[in-house]
N, C-alpha and C. Protein backbone atom coordinates (compact mmCIF):
# COMPACT_ATOMS: atom_id res chain seq x y z
N UNK A 1 61.47 98.87 11.11
CA UNK A 1 60.53 98.23 12.04
C UNK A 1 60.79 96.74 12.02
N UNK A 2 61.02 96.17 13.20
CA UNK A 2 61.36 94.75 13.28
C UNK A 2 60.13 93.91 13.02
N UNK A 3 60.31 92.84 12.28
CA UNK A 3 59.20 91.93 12.00
C UNK A 3 59.25 90.76 12.98
N UNK A 4 58.09 90.24 13.32
CA UNK A 4 58.00 89.07 14.22
C UNK A 4 57.39 87.93 13.46
N UNK A 5 57.85 86.74 13.77
CA UNK A 5 57.29 85.53 13.16
C UNK A 5 56.48 84.75 14.20
N UNK A 6 55.30 84.34 13.82
CA UNK A 6 54.47 83.52 14.69
C UNK A 6 54.67 82.05 14.31
N UNK A 7 55.10 81.29 15.27
CA UNK A 7 55.42 79.89 15.02
C UNK A 7 54.27 79.01 15.52
N UNK A 8 53.68 78.17 14.63
CA UNK A 8 52.63 77.24 15.03
C UNK A 8 53.18 75.83 15.19
N UNK A 9 52.28 74.87 15.33
CA UNK A 9 52.69 73.47 15.44
C UNK A 9 52.98 72.92 14.05
N UNK A 10 54.00 72.13 13.97
CA UNK A 10 54.31 71.48 12.69
C UNK A 10 53.42 70.26 12.51
N UNK A 11 53.34 69.78 11.30
CA UNK A 11 52.55 68.59 11.00
C UNK A 11 53.06 67.38 11.79
N UNK A 12 54.35 67.30 11.97
CA UNK A 12 54.93 66.18 12.72
C UNK A 12 54.50 66.23 14.18
N UNK A 13 54.53 67.43 14.75
CA UNK A 13 54.12 67.57 16.16
C UNK A 13 52.64 67.21 16.34
N UNK A 14 51.80 67.67 15.42
CA UNK A 14 50.38 67.33 15.49
C UNK A 14 50.15 65.83 15.35
N UNK A 15 50.89 65.19 14.47
CA UNK A 15 50.75 63.75 14.27
C UNK A 15 51.14 62.98 15.52
N UNK A 16 52.24 63.42 16.15
CA UNK A 16 52.68 62.75 17.38
C UNK A 16 51.65 62.91 18.49
N UNK A 17 51.12 64.12 18.63
CA UNK A 17 50.10 64.38 19.65
C UNK A 17 48.85 63.53 19.42
N UNK A 18 48.42 63.45 18.15
CA UNK A 18 47.24 62.66 17.81
C UNK A 18 47.48 61.18 18.09
N UNK A 19 48.67 60.69 17.76
CA UNK A 19 48.99 59.29 17.98
C UNK A 19 48.97 58.95 19.47
N UNK A 20 49.53 59.85 20.29
CA UNK A 20 49.53 59.63 21.74
C UNK A 20 48.09 59.61 22.29
N UNK A 21 47.28 60.56 21.80
CA UNK A 21 45.88 60.61 22.25
C UNK A 21 45.12 59.35 21.88
N UNK A 22 45.30 58.87 20.65
CA UNK A 22 44.61 57.66 20.21
C UNK A 22 45.07 56.44 21.00
N UNK A 23 46.35 56.37 21.32
CA UNK A 23 46.87 55.26 22.11
C UNK A 23 46.26 55.23 23.50
N UNK A 24 46.21 56.39 24.12
CA UNK A 24 45.62 56.48 25.47
C UNK A 24 44.14 56.10 25.42
N UNK A 25 43.42 56.59 24.40
CA UNK A 25 42.00 56.25 24.27
C UNK A 25 41.80 54.76 24.06
N UNK A 26 42.67 54.15 23.26
CA UNK A 26 42.57 52.71 23.02
C UNK A 26 42.81 51.90 24.27
N UNK A 27 43.81 52.30 25.04
CA UNK A 27 44.09 51.59 26.31
C UNK A 27 42.92 51.73 27.27
N UNK A 28 42.36 52.92 27.35
CA UNK A 28 41.21 53.15 28.24
C UNK A 28 40.01 52.31 27.81
N UNK A 29 39.77 52.25 26.50
CA UNK A 29 38.64 51.47 25.98
C UNK A 29 38.78 49.99 26.32
N UNK A 30 39.97 49.46 26.10
CA UNK A 30 40.20 48.03 26.39
C UNK A 30 40.07 47.75 27.88
N UNK A 31 40.64 48.62 28.70
CA UNK A 31 40.60 48.39 30.15
C UNK A 31 39.20 48.51 30.72
N UNK A 32 38.32 49.26 30.04
CA UNK A 32 36.95 49.43 30.53
C UNK A 32 36.01 48.31 30.12
N UNK A 33 36.42 47.47 29.16
CA UNK A 33 35.52 46.43 28.67
C UNK A 33 35.02 45.48 29.76
N UNK A 34 35.88 44.96 30.63
CA UNK A 34 35.36 44.07 31.69
C UNK A 34 34.36 44.77 32.60
N UNK A 35 34.62 46.04 32.91
CA UNK A 35 33.69 46.79 33.75
C UNK A 35 32.35 46.98 33.07
N UNK A 36 32.38 47.32 31.78
CA UNK A 36 31.14 47.51 31.03
C UNK A 36 30.38 46.19 30.90
N UNK A 37 31.10 45.09 30.70
CA UNK A 37 30.45 43.78 30.59
C UNK A 37 29.76 43.42 31.90
N UNK A 38 30.42 43.66 33.02
CA UNK A 38 29.80 43.37 34.33
C UNK A 38 28.58 44.26 34.54
N UNK A 39 28.66 45.50 34.08
CA UNK A 39 27.52 46.41 34.23
C UNK A 39 26.32 45.90 33.44
N UNK A 40 26.55 45.37 32.22
CA UNK A 40 25.45 44.83 31.42
C UNK A 40 24.88 43.58 32.08
N UNK A 41 25.76 42.74 32.63
CA UNK A 41 25.30 41.54 33.33
C UNK A 41 24.43 41.92 34.53
N UNK A 42 24.89 42.89 35.29
CA UNK A 42 24.12 43.35 36.45
C UNK A 42 22.80 43.97 36.02
N UNK A 43 22.80 44.67 34.88
CA UNK A 43 21.58 45.29 34.38
C UNK A 43 20.55 44.22 34.01
N UNK A 44 20.99 43.15 33.34
CA UNK A 44 20.07 42.07 32.99
C UNK A 44 19.49 41.40 34.21
N UNK A 45 20.35 41.14 35.18
CA UNK A 45 19.89 40.52 36.44
C UNK A 45 18.91 41.44 37.17
N UNK A 46 19.25 42.71 37.29
CA UNK A 46 18.38 43.66 37.98
C UNK A 46 17.02 43.78 37.29
N UNK A 47 17.03 43.76 35.95
CA UNK A 47 15.77 43.85 35.21
C UNK A 47 14.88 42.65 35.51
N UNK A 48 15.45 41.44 35.46
CA UNK A 48 14.66 40.23 35.72
C UNK A 48 14.11 40.23 37.14
N UNK A 49 14.94 40.62 38.11
CA UNK A 49 14.47 40.69 39.49
C UNK A 49 13.35 41.70 39.64
N UNK A 50 13.51 42.86 39.02
CA UNK A 50 12.50 43.90 39.11
C UNK A 50 11.17 43.45 38.51
N UNK A 51 11.22 42.78 37.35
CA UNK A 51 10.00 42.34 36.70
C UNK A 51 9.26 41.33 37.58
N UNK A 52 9.98 40.37 38.13
CA UNK A 52 9.34 39.36 38.99
C UNK A 52 8.74 40.00 40.24
N UNK A 53 9.48 40.84 40.90
CA UNK A 53 8.99 41.45 42.14
C UNK A 53 7.83 42.40 41.88
N UNK A 54 7.94 43.20 40.82
CA UNK A 54 6.86 44.14 40.52
C UNK A 54 5.59 43.41 40.09
N UNK A 55 5.74 42.32 39.34
CA UNK A 55 4.56 41.57 38.90
C UNK A 55 3.87 40.89 40.08
N UNK A 56 4.65 40.33 40.98
CA UNK A 56 4.06 39.73 42.18
C UNK A 56 3.32 40.80 42.99
N UNK A 57 3.95 41.96 43.15
CA UNK A 57 3.31 43.06 43.89
C UNK A 57 2.01 43.48 43.20
N UNK A 58 2.01 43.51 41.88
CA UNK A 58 0.82 43.88 41.12
C UNK A 58 -0.30 42.87 41.36
N UNK A 59 0.05 41.59 41.36
CA UNK A 59 -0.97 40.55 41.59
C UNK A 59 -1.61 40.69 42.97
N UNK A 60 -0.78 40.99 43.97
CA UNK A 60 -1.29 41.11 45.33
C UNK A 60 -2.13 42.37 45.50
N UNK A 61 -1.65 43.49 45.02
CA UNK A 61 -2.36 44.76 45.23
C UNK A 61 -3.61 44.89 44.36
N UNK A 62 -3.60 44.26 43.16
CA UNK A 62 -4.75 44.34 42.27
C UNK A 62 -5.71 43.17 42.44
N UNK A 63 -5.29 42.17 43.23
CA UNK A 63 -6.12 40.97 43.47
C UNK A 63 -6.49 40.26 42.17
N UNK A 64 -5.50 40.14 41.28
CA UNK A 64 -5.68 39.43 40.02
C UNK A 64 -4.44 38.61 39.71
N UNK A 65 -4.59 37.70 38.75
CA UNK A 65 -3.48 36.84 38.35
C UNK A 65 -2.66 37.51 37.24
N UNK A 66 -1.34 37.53 37.44
CA UNK A 66 -0.41 38.07 36.45
C UNK A 66 0.69 37.05 36.18
N UNK A 67 1.14 36.99 34.94
CA UNK A 67 2.16 36.03 34.55
C UNK A 67 3.41 36.73 34.05
N UNK A 68 4.56 36.09 34.28
CA UNK A 68 5.83 36.51 33.70
C UNK A 68 6.34 35.34 32.86
N UNK A 69 6.57 35.58 31.56
CA UNK A 69 7.12 34.57 30.66
C UNK A 69 8.54 34.97 30.26
N UNK A 70 9.43 33.99 30.26
CA UNK A 70 10.82 34.19 29.87
C UNK A 70 11.04 33.65 28.46
N UNK A 71 11.62 34.46 27.60
CA UNK A 71 11.88 34.08 26.21
C UNK A 71 10.64 33.50 25.54
N UNK A 72 9.51 34.23 25.54
CA UNK A 72 8.30 33.71 24.90
C UNK A 72 8.47 33.62 23.39
N UNK A 73 7.77 32.69 22.77
CA UNK A 73 7.83 32.54 21.33
C UNK A 73 7.36 33.79 20.61
N UNK A 74 8.03 34.10 19.49
CA UNK A 74 7.65 35.27 18.70
C UNK A 74 8.27 36.56 19.17
N UNK A 75 9.10 36.51 20.22
CA UNK A 75 9.76 37.71 20.73
C UNK A 75 11.27 37.51 20.66
N UNK A 76 12.04 38.59 20.64
CA UNK A 76 13.50 38.46 20.60
C UNK A 76 14.02 37.74 21.85
N UNK A 77 15.14 37.04 21.74
CA UNK A 77 15.75 36.42 22.93
C UNK A 77 16.02 37.47 24.00
N UNK A 78 15.87 37.06 25.24
CA UNK A 78 16.09 37.99 26.34
C UNK A 78 14.87 38.82 26.70
N UNK A 79 13.69 38.39 26.22
CA UNK A 79 12.45 39.12 26.50
C UNK A 79 11.76 38.55 27.73
N UNK A 80 11.23 39.44 28.55
CA UNK A 80 10.33 39.07 29.64
C UNK A 80 8.97 39.67 29.31
N UNK A 81 7.97 38.84 29.26
CA UNK A 81 6.62 39.24 28.88
C UNK A 81 5.70 39.17 30.09
N UNK A 82 5.05 40.27 30.42
CA UNK A 82 4.10 40.32 31.54
C UNK A 82 2.69 40.31 30.98
N UNK A 83 1.87 39.38 31.46
CA UNK A 83 0.49 39.26 30.99
C UNK A 83 -0.48 39.26 32.16
N UNK A 84 -1.71 39.68 31.86
CA UNK A 84 -2.79 39.72 32.86
C UNK A 84 -3.83 38.68 32.50
N UNK A 85 -4.25 37.92 33.50
CA UNK A 85 -5.30 36.92 33.28
C UNK A 85 -6.62 37.45 33.84
N UNK A 86 -7.53 37.91 32.97
CA UNK A 86 -8.84 38.36 33.47
C UNK A 86 -9.59 37.19 34.11
N UNK A 87 -10.36 37.47 35.13
CA UNK A 87 -11.11 36.39 35.79
C UNK A 87 -12.24 35.87 34.91
N UNK A 88 -12.66 34.66 35.17
CA UNK A 88 -13.79 34.07 34.44
C UNK A 88 -15.09 34.75 34.86
N UNK A 89 -16.02 34.78 33.95
CA UNK A 89 -17.35 35.33 34.23
C UNK A 89 -18.27 34.17 34.55
N UNK A 90 -18.79 34.16 35.79
CA UNK A 90 -19.64 33.05 36.20
C UNK A 90 -18.87 31.74 36.17
N UNK A 91 -19.45 30.75 35.55
CA UNK A 91 -18.79 29.45 35.43
C UNK A 91 -18.16 29.27 34.05
N UNK A 92 -18.00 30.36 33.33
CA UNK A 92 -17.44 30.28 31.98
C UNK A 92 -15.93 30.09 32.01
N UNK A 93 -15.34 29.91 30.82
CA UNK A 93 -13.89 29.72 30.73
C UNK A 93 -13.15 31.03 31.00
N UNK A 94 -11.86 30.91 31.29
CA UNK A 94 -11.04 32.10 31.48
C UNK A 94 -10.89 32.85 30.17
N UNK A 95 -11.02 34.15 30.18
CA UNK A 95 -10.80 34.94 28.96
C UNK A 95 -9.33 34.84 28.54
N UNK A 96 -9.03 35.22 27.30
CA UNK A 96 -7.63 35.20 26.85
C UNK A 96 -6.74 36.11 27.69
N UNK A 97 -5.48 35.75 27.77
CA UNK A 97 -4.51 36.58 28.47
C UNK A 97 -4.34 37.92 27.75
N UNK A 98 -4.09 38.95 28.53
CA UNK A 98 -3.88 40.28 27.97
C UNK A 98 -2.44 40.73 28.21
N UNK A 99 -1.83 41.32 27.18
CA UNK A 99 -0.47 41.82 27.30
C UNK A 99 -0.45 43.05 28.20
N UNK A 100 0.48 43.06 29.15
CA UNK A 100 0.68 44.22 30.00
C UNK A 100 1.87 45.02 29.49
N UNK A 101 3.03 44.38 29.42
CA UNK A 101 4.23 45.05 28.91
C UNK A 101 5.32 44.02 28.66
N UNK A 102 6.37 44.44 27.98
CA UNK A 102 7.53 43.58 27.74
C UNK A 102 8.79 44.31 28.18
N UNK A 103 9.78 43.52 28.57
CA UNK A 103 11.09 44.03 28.95
C UNK A 103 12.14 43.21 28.22
N UNK A 104 13.30 43.81 28.00
CA UNK A 104 14.41 43.06 27.40
C UNK A 104 15.67 43.31 28.21
N UNK A 105 16.52 42.27 28.29
CA UNK A 105 17.80 42.40 28.95
C UNK A 105 18.85 42.72 27.88
N UNK A 106 20.04 43.21 28.27
CA UNK A 106 21.07 43.54 27.27
C UNK A 106 21.35 42.39 26.31
N UNK A 107 21.71 42.71 25.06
CA UNK A 107 21.84 41.71 24.01
C UNK A 107 22.88 40.65 24.30
N UNK A 108 23.96 41.01 24.99
CA UNK A 108 25.00 40.01 25.24
C UNK A 108 24.75 39.21 26.52
N UNK A 109 23.60 39.45 27.16
CA UNK A 109 23.18 38.68 28.33
C UNK A 109 21.97 37.85 27.92
N UNK A 110 21.90 36.61 28.39
CA UNK A 110 20.79 35.74 28.00
C UNK A 110 20.39 34.84 29.17
N UNK A 111 19.18 34.30 29.04
CA UNK A 111 18.74 33.27 29.98
C UNK A 111 19.38 31.97 29.52
N UNK A 112 20.48 31.62 30.13
CA UNK A 112 21.27 30.49 29.64
C UNK A 112 22.12 29.92 30.77
N UNK A 113 22.63 28.72 30.52
CA UNK A 113 23.52 28.07 31.48
C UNK A 113 24.92 28.02 30.89
N UNK A 114 25.90 27.77 31.74
CA UNK A 114 27.28 27.65 31.31
C UNK A 114 27.86 26.34 31.85
N UNK A 115 28.81 25.81 31.11
CA UNK A 115 29.54 24.64 31.59
C UNK A 115 30.23 25.00 32.91
N UNK A 116 30.08 24.14 33.88
CA UNK A 116 30.66 24.40 35.19
C UNK A 116 29.66 24.78 36.25
N UNK A 117 28.38 24.98 35.86
CA UNK A 117 27.37 25.26 36.88
C UNK A 117 27.29 24.07 37.86
N UNK A 118 27.13 24.36 39.16
CA UNK A 118 27.00 23.26 40.12
C UNK A 118 25.74 22.44 39.84
N UNK A 119 25.83 21.14 40.13
CA UNK A 119 24.63 20.30 39.98
C UNK A 119 23.64 20.56 41.11
N UNK A 120 24.11 21.19 42.18
CA UNK A 120 23.22 21.60 43.26
C UNK A 120 22.70 23.00 42.93
N UNK A 121 21.49 23.04 42.39
CA UNK A 121 20.91 24.31 41.95
C UNK A 121 20.49 25.16 43.15
N UNK A 122 20.37 26.48 42.96
CA UNK A 122 19.89 27.34 44.05
C UNK A 122 18.53 26.88 44.57
N UNK A 123 18.38 26.87 45.89
CA UNK A 123 17.14 26.42 46.54
C UNK A 123 16.79 24.98 46.17
N UNK A 124 17.77 24.23 45.63
CA UNK A 124 17.57 22.83 45.24
C UNK A 124 16.51 22.67 44.16
N UNK A 125 16.36 23.69 43.31
CA UNK A 125 15.40 23.62 42.20
C UNK A 125 16.12 23.11 40.95
N UNK A 126 16.06 21.82 40.70
CA UNK A 126 16.68 21.25 39.52
C UNK A 126 18.15 20.93 39.74
N UNK A 127 18.85 20.68 38.62
CA UNK A 127 20.25 20.25 38.67
C UNK A 127 21.16 21.18 37.90
N UNK A 128 20.73 22.41 37.65
CA UNK A 128 21.58 23.38 36.99
C UNK A 128 21.80 23.13 35.52
N UNK A 129 20.92 22.34 34.88
CA UNK A 129 21.11 22.01 33.48
C UNK A 129 20.11 22.62 32.53
N UNK A 130 19.14 23.38 33.04
CA UNK A 130 18.11 24.00 32.20
C UNK A 130 18.04 25.49 32.52
N UNK A 131 18.12 26.32 31.49
CA UNK A 131 18.22 27.77 31.70
C UNK A 131 16.98 28.36 32.37
N UNK A 132 15.80 27.98 31.91
CA UNK A 132 14.53 28.47 32.47
C UNK A 132 13.80 27.25 33.00
N UNK A 133 13.80 27.08 34.31
CA UNK A 133 13.44 25.79 34.89
C UNK A 133 12.36 25.92 35.96
N UNK A 134 11.20 26.43 35.54
CA UNK A 134 10.06 26.50 36.46
C UNK A 134 9.23 25.22 36.32
N UNK A 135 8.27 25.06 37.23
CA UNK A 135 7.47 23.84 37.22
C UNK A 135 8.12 22.71 37.99
N UNK A 136 8.96 23.04 38.98
CA UNK A 136 9.65 22.02 39.76
C UNK A 136 8.65 21.12 40.47
N UNK A 137 8.82 19.81 40.27
CA UNK A 137 7.97 18.84 40.94
C UNK A 137 6.63 18.60 40.27
N UNK A 138 6.36 19.28 39.16
CA UNK A 138 5.07 19.12 38.50
C UNK A 138 5.11 18.07 37.40
N UNK A 139 6.32 17.71 36.94
CA UNK A 139 6.42 16.76 35.84
C UNK A 139 6.10 17.43 34.51
N UNK A 140 6.33 16.69 33.44
CA UNK A 140 5.99 17.21 32.12
C UNK A 140 6.97 18.21 31.57
N UNK A 141 8.16 18.28 32.15
CA UNK A 141 9.16 19.20 31.62
C UNK A 141 9.12 20.56 32.27
N UNK A 142 10.09 21.38 31.94
CA UNK A 142 10.22 22.69 32.56
C UNK A 142 9.24 23.69 31.95
N UNK A 143 8.78 24.59 32.78
CA UNK A 143 7.92 25.68 32.32
C UNK A 143 8.76 26.94 32.15
N UNK A 144 8.36 27.80 31.21
CA UNK A 144 9.10 29.04 30.99
C UNK A 144 8.35 30.24 31.56
N UNK A 145 7.42 29.98 32.50
CA UNK A 145 6.65 31.08 33.06
C UNK A 145 6.34 30.81 34.52
N UNK A 146 5.93 31.86 35.20
CA UNK A 146 5.42 31.76 36.56
C UNK A 146 4.22 32.70 36.66
N UNK A 147 3.15 32.22 37.28
CA UNK A 147 1.93 33.01 37.44
C UNK A 147 1.79 33.40 38.91
N UNK A 148 1.72 34.69 39.17
CA UNK A 148 1.56 35.17 40.54
C UNK A 148 0.08 35.39 40.83
N UNK A 149 -0.33 34.94 42.02
CA UNK A 149 -1.73 34.99 42.43
C UNK A 149 -1.97 36.10 43.45
N UNK A 150 -3.24 36.45 43.69
CA UNK A 150 -3.53 37.51 44.65
C UNK A 150 -3.01 37.24 46.06
N UNK A 151 -2.84 35.96 46.42
CA UNK A 151 -2.29 35.65 47.75
C UNK A 151 -0.77 35.70 47.77
N UNK A 152 -0.15 36.06 46.64
CA UNK A 152 1.30 36.17 46.57
C UNK A 152 2.01 34.92 46.13
N UNK A 153 1.30 33.80 46.07
CA UNK A 153 1.93 32.54 45.67
C UNK A 153 2.23 32.52 44.18
N UNK A 154 3.12 31.60 43.79
CA UNK A 154 3.47 31.42 42.39
C UNK A 154 2.93 30.07 41.93
N UNK A 155 2.18 30.06 40.84
CA UNK A 155 1.53 28.83 40.39
C UNK A 155 1.64 28.69 38.87
N UNK A 156 1.22 27.52 38.36
CA UNK A 156 1.08 27.38 36.92
C UNK A 156 -0.35 27.71 36.55
N UNK A 157 -0.69 27.61 35.26
CA UNK A 157 -2.03 28.00 34.82
C UNK A 157 -3.12 27.03 35.26
N UNK A 158 -2.71 25.88 35.82
CA UNK A 158 -3.68 24.91 36.34
C UNK A 158 -3.89 25.06 37.84
N UNK A 159 -3.16 26.00 38.44
CA UNK A 159 -3.32 26.24 39.88
C UNK A 159 -2.33 25.50 40.75
N UNK A 160 -1.41 24.74 40.17
CA UNK A 160 -0.41 24.03 40.96
C UNK A 160 0.68 25.00 41.41
N UNK A 161 1.22 24.79 42.60
CA UNK A 161 2.33 25.60 43.06
C UNK A 161 3.50 25.44 42.10
N UNK A 162 4.11 26.55 41.73
CA UNK A 162 5.11 26.57 40.67
C UNK A 162 6.41 27.20 41.19
N UNK A 163 7.35 26.36 41.59
CA UNK A 163 8.67 26.82 42.01
C UNK A 163 9.64 26.65 40.85
N UNK A 164 10.73 27.40 40.88
CA UNK A 164 11.72 27.23 39.81
C UNK A 164 12.84 28.22 39.87
N UNK A 165 13.68 28.15 38.84
CA UNK A 165 14.89 28.97 38.77
C UNK A 165 15.13 29.39 37.33
N UNK A 166 15.71 30.57 37.16
CA UNK A 166 16.14 31.04 35.84
C UNK A 166 17.58 31.53 35.99
N UNK A 167 18.42 31.18 35.01
CA UNK A 167 19.84 31.55 35.04
C UNK A 167 20.12 32.64 34.00
N UNK A 168 21.07 33.50 34.33
CA UNK A 168 21.52 34.53 33.40
C UNK A 168 23.03 34.46 33.27
N UNK A 169 23.51 34.48 32.03
CA UNK A 169 24.95 34.46 31.80
C UNK A 169 25.25 35.13 30.47
N UNK A 170 26.55 35.30 30.20
CA UNK A 170 27.00 35.84 28.92
C UNK A 170 27.81 34.78 28.20
N UNK A 171 27.58 34.63 26.89
CA UNK A 171 28.33 33.65 26.11
C UNK A 171 29.82 33.91 26.20
N UNK A 172 30.20 35.17 26.11
CA UNK A 172 31.62 35.54 26.16
C UNK A 172 32.08 35.84 27.59
N UNK A 173 31.21 35.64 28.56
CA UNK A 173 31.55 35.99 29.92
C UNK A 173 32.16 34.83 30.68
N UNK A 174 32.62 35.12 31.88
CA UNK A 174 33.20 34.10 32.73
C UNK A 174 32.11 33.39 33.52
N UNK A 175 32.46 32.25 34.07
CA UNK A 175 31.52 31.47 34.86
C UNK A 175 31.00 32.27 36.04
N UNK A 176 31.91 33.02 36.68
CA UNK A 176 31.54 33.70 37.92
C UNK A 176 30.83 35.03 37.70
N UNK A 177 30.55 35.37 36.46
CA UNK A 177 29.66 36.50 36.19
C UNK A 177 28.19 36.07 36.29
N UNK A 178 27.93 34.79 36.23
CA UNK A 178 26.57 34.28 36.12
C UNK A 178 25.74 34.58 37.37
N UNK A 179 24.44 34.71 37.14
CA UNK A 179 23.48 34.93 38.21
C UNK A 179 22.33 33.92 38.07
N UNK A 180 21.56 33.81 39.14
CA UNK A 180 20.36 32.98 39.12
C UNK A 180 19.28 33.65 39.96
N UNK A 181 18.03 33.38 39.62
CA UNK A 181 16.89 33.89 40.38
C UNK A 181 15.94 32.73 40.64
N UNK A 182 15.54 32.55 41.90
CA UNK A 182 14.60 31.49 42.24
C UNK A 182 13.27 32.07 42.72
N UNK A 183 12.21 31.33 42.46
CA UNK A 183 10.88 31.68 42.95
C UNK A 183 10.31 30.46 43.67
N UNK A 184 9.88 30.63 44.89
CA UNK A 184 9.29 29.55 45.66
C UNK A 184 7.78 29.63 45.55
N UNK A 185 7.16 28.55 45.07
CA UNK A 185 5.74 28.58 44.75
C UNK A 185 4.82 28.90 45.90
N UNK A 186 5.05 28.33 47.07
CA UNK A 186 4.10 28.46 48.18
C UNK A 186 3.91 29.90 48.63
N UNK A 187 4.96 30.70 48.58
CA UNK A 187 4.86 32.09 49.06
C UNK A 187 5.16 33.11 47.97
N UNK A 188 5.71 32.66 46.84
CA UNK A 188 6.12 33.60 45.81
C UNK A 188 7.42 34.31 46.15
N UNK A 189 8.14 33.80 47.15
CA UNK A 189 9.40 34.41 47.55
C UNK A 189 10.40 34.40 46.39
N UNK A 190 11.06 35.51 46.17
CA UNK A 190 12.01 35.67 45.05
C UNK A 190 13.40 35.93 45.63
N UNK A 191 14.37 35.13 45.20
CA UNK A 191 15.74 35.26 45.68
C UNK A 191 16.71 35.40 44.52
N UNK A 192 17.75 36.20 44.75
CA UNK A 192 18.82 36.34 43.77
C UNK A 192 20.07 35.63 44.23
N UNK A 193 20.83 35.09 43.25
CA UNK A 193 22.01 34.29 43.57
C UNK A 193 23.16 34.66 42.65
N UNK A 194 24.39 34.44 43.13
CA UNK A 194 25.58 34.60 42.31
C UNK A 194 26.52 33.44 42.59
N UNK A 195 27.39 33.17 41.64
CA UNK A 195 28.36 32.09 41.78
C UNK A 195 29.63 32.62 42.45
N UNK A 196 30.16 31.85 43.39
CA UNK A 196 31.44 32.18 44.01
C UNK A 196 32.27 30.91 44.10
N UNK A 197 33.61 31.03 44.02
CA UNK A 197 34.45 29.85 44.18
C UNK A 197 34.62 29.51 45.66
N UNK A 198 34.47 28.26 45.97
CA UNK A 198 34.65 27.82 47.35
C UNK A 198 35.30 26.43 47.34
N UNK A 199 36.47 26.35 47.92
CA UNK A 199 37.19 25.08 47.91
C UNK A 199 37.53 24.62 46.51
N UNK A 200 37.76 25.57 45.60
CA UNK A 200 38.11 25.22 44.23
C UNK A 200 36.93 24.87 43.35
N UNK A 201 35.71 25.00 43.86
CA UNK A 201 34.51 24.67 43.08
C UNK A 201 33.49 25.80 43.21
N UNK A 202 32.67 26.02 42.16
CA UNK A 202 31.66 27.09 42.24
C UNK A 202 30.44 26.66 43.05
N UNK A 203 29.93 27.56 43.85
CA UNK A 203 28.68 27.32 44.56
C UNK A 203 27.82 28.57 44.44
N UNK A 204 26.51 28.38 44.58
CA UNK A 204 25.57 29.50 44.51
C UNK A 204 25.42 30.11 45.90
N UNK A 205 25.54 31.42 45.97
CA UNK A 205 25.41 32.15 47.22
C UNK A 205 24.33 33.20 47.06
N UNK A 206 23.43 33.29 48.02
CA UNK A 206 22.35 34.26 47.92
C UNK A 206 22.89 35.68 48.01
N UNK A 207 22.38 36.57 47.15
CA UNK A 207 22.80 37.96 47.19
C UNK A 207 22.01 38.75 48.20
């Protein structure tokens, strides 16, 4: 009776196959990094836009004052804090603010500026040198919050119209990955912006 031999893969063949697989996986991982970085940048921008728009909508539909704070003290960097301002009772003082919820943007994305930002800020709010730059025209330095009112306007806690801009970028990212969001105090209008090269220089273009 004839015997048959079953031949499997040798250790050398398995090693070569594994090495090829690891090489392909490594190339794919490296090539995907820019795409993943852009996705995280877009996620941070989308989150900030969503928080501002939803909070303004909440203020209008609930007929109450709501605030959005960027990078509030005591919270991790990249935090957006939404608070509710209960109305005063009679002629008494305003009650303390109440926490509604918090949001965070991806860890490698921050509210920050980068060298090369145009001095002409989006909507002409500031000079592109302050990451969180609300309180335009009010004096006393930049504010890190915006308060939305039942009429849809954006104000500070003293009732002054509060316009401003917030920038998002990545420390390890390129200049043209950066985004900006502006809020116009009189109407609470919220706009998104991105940097594009024009004539060899970066300019902000509305998205």
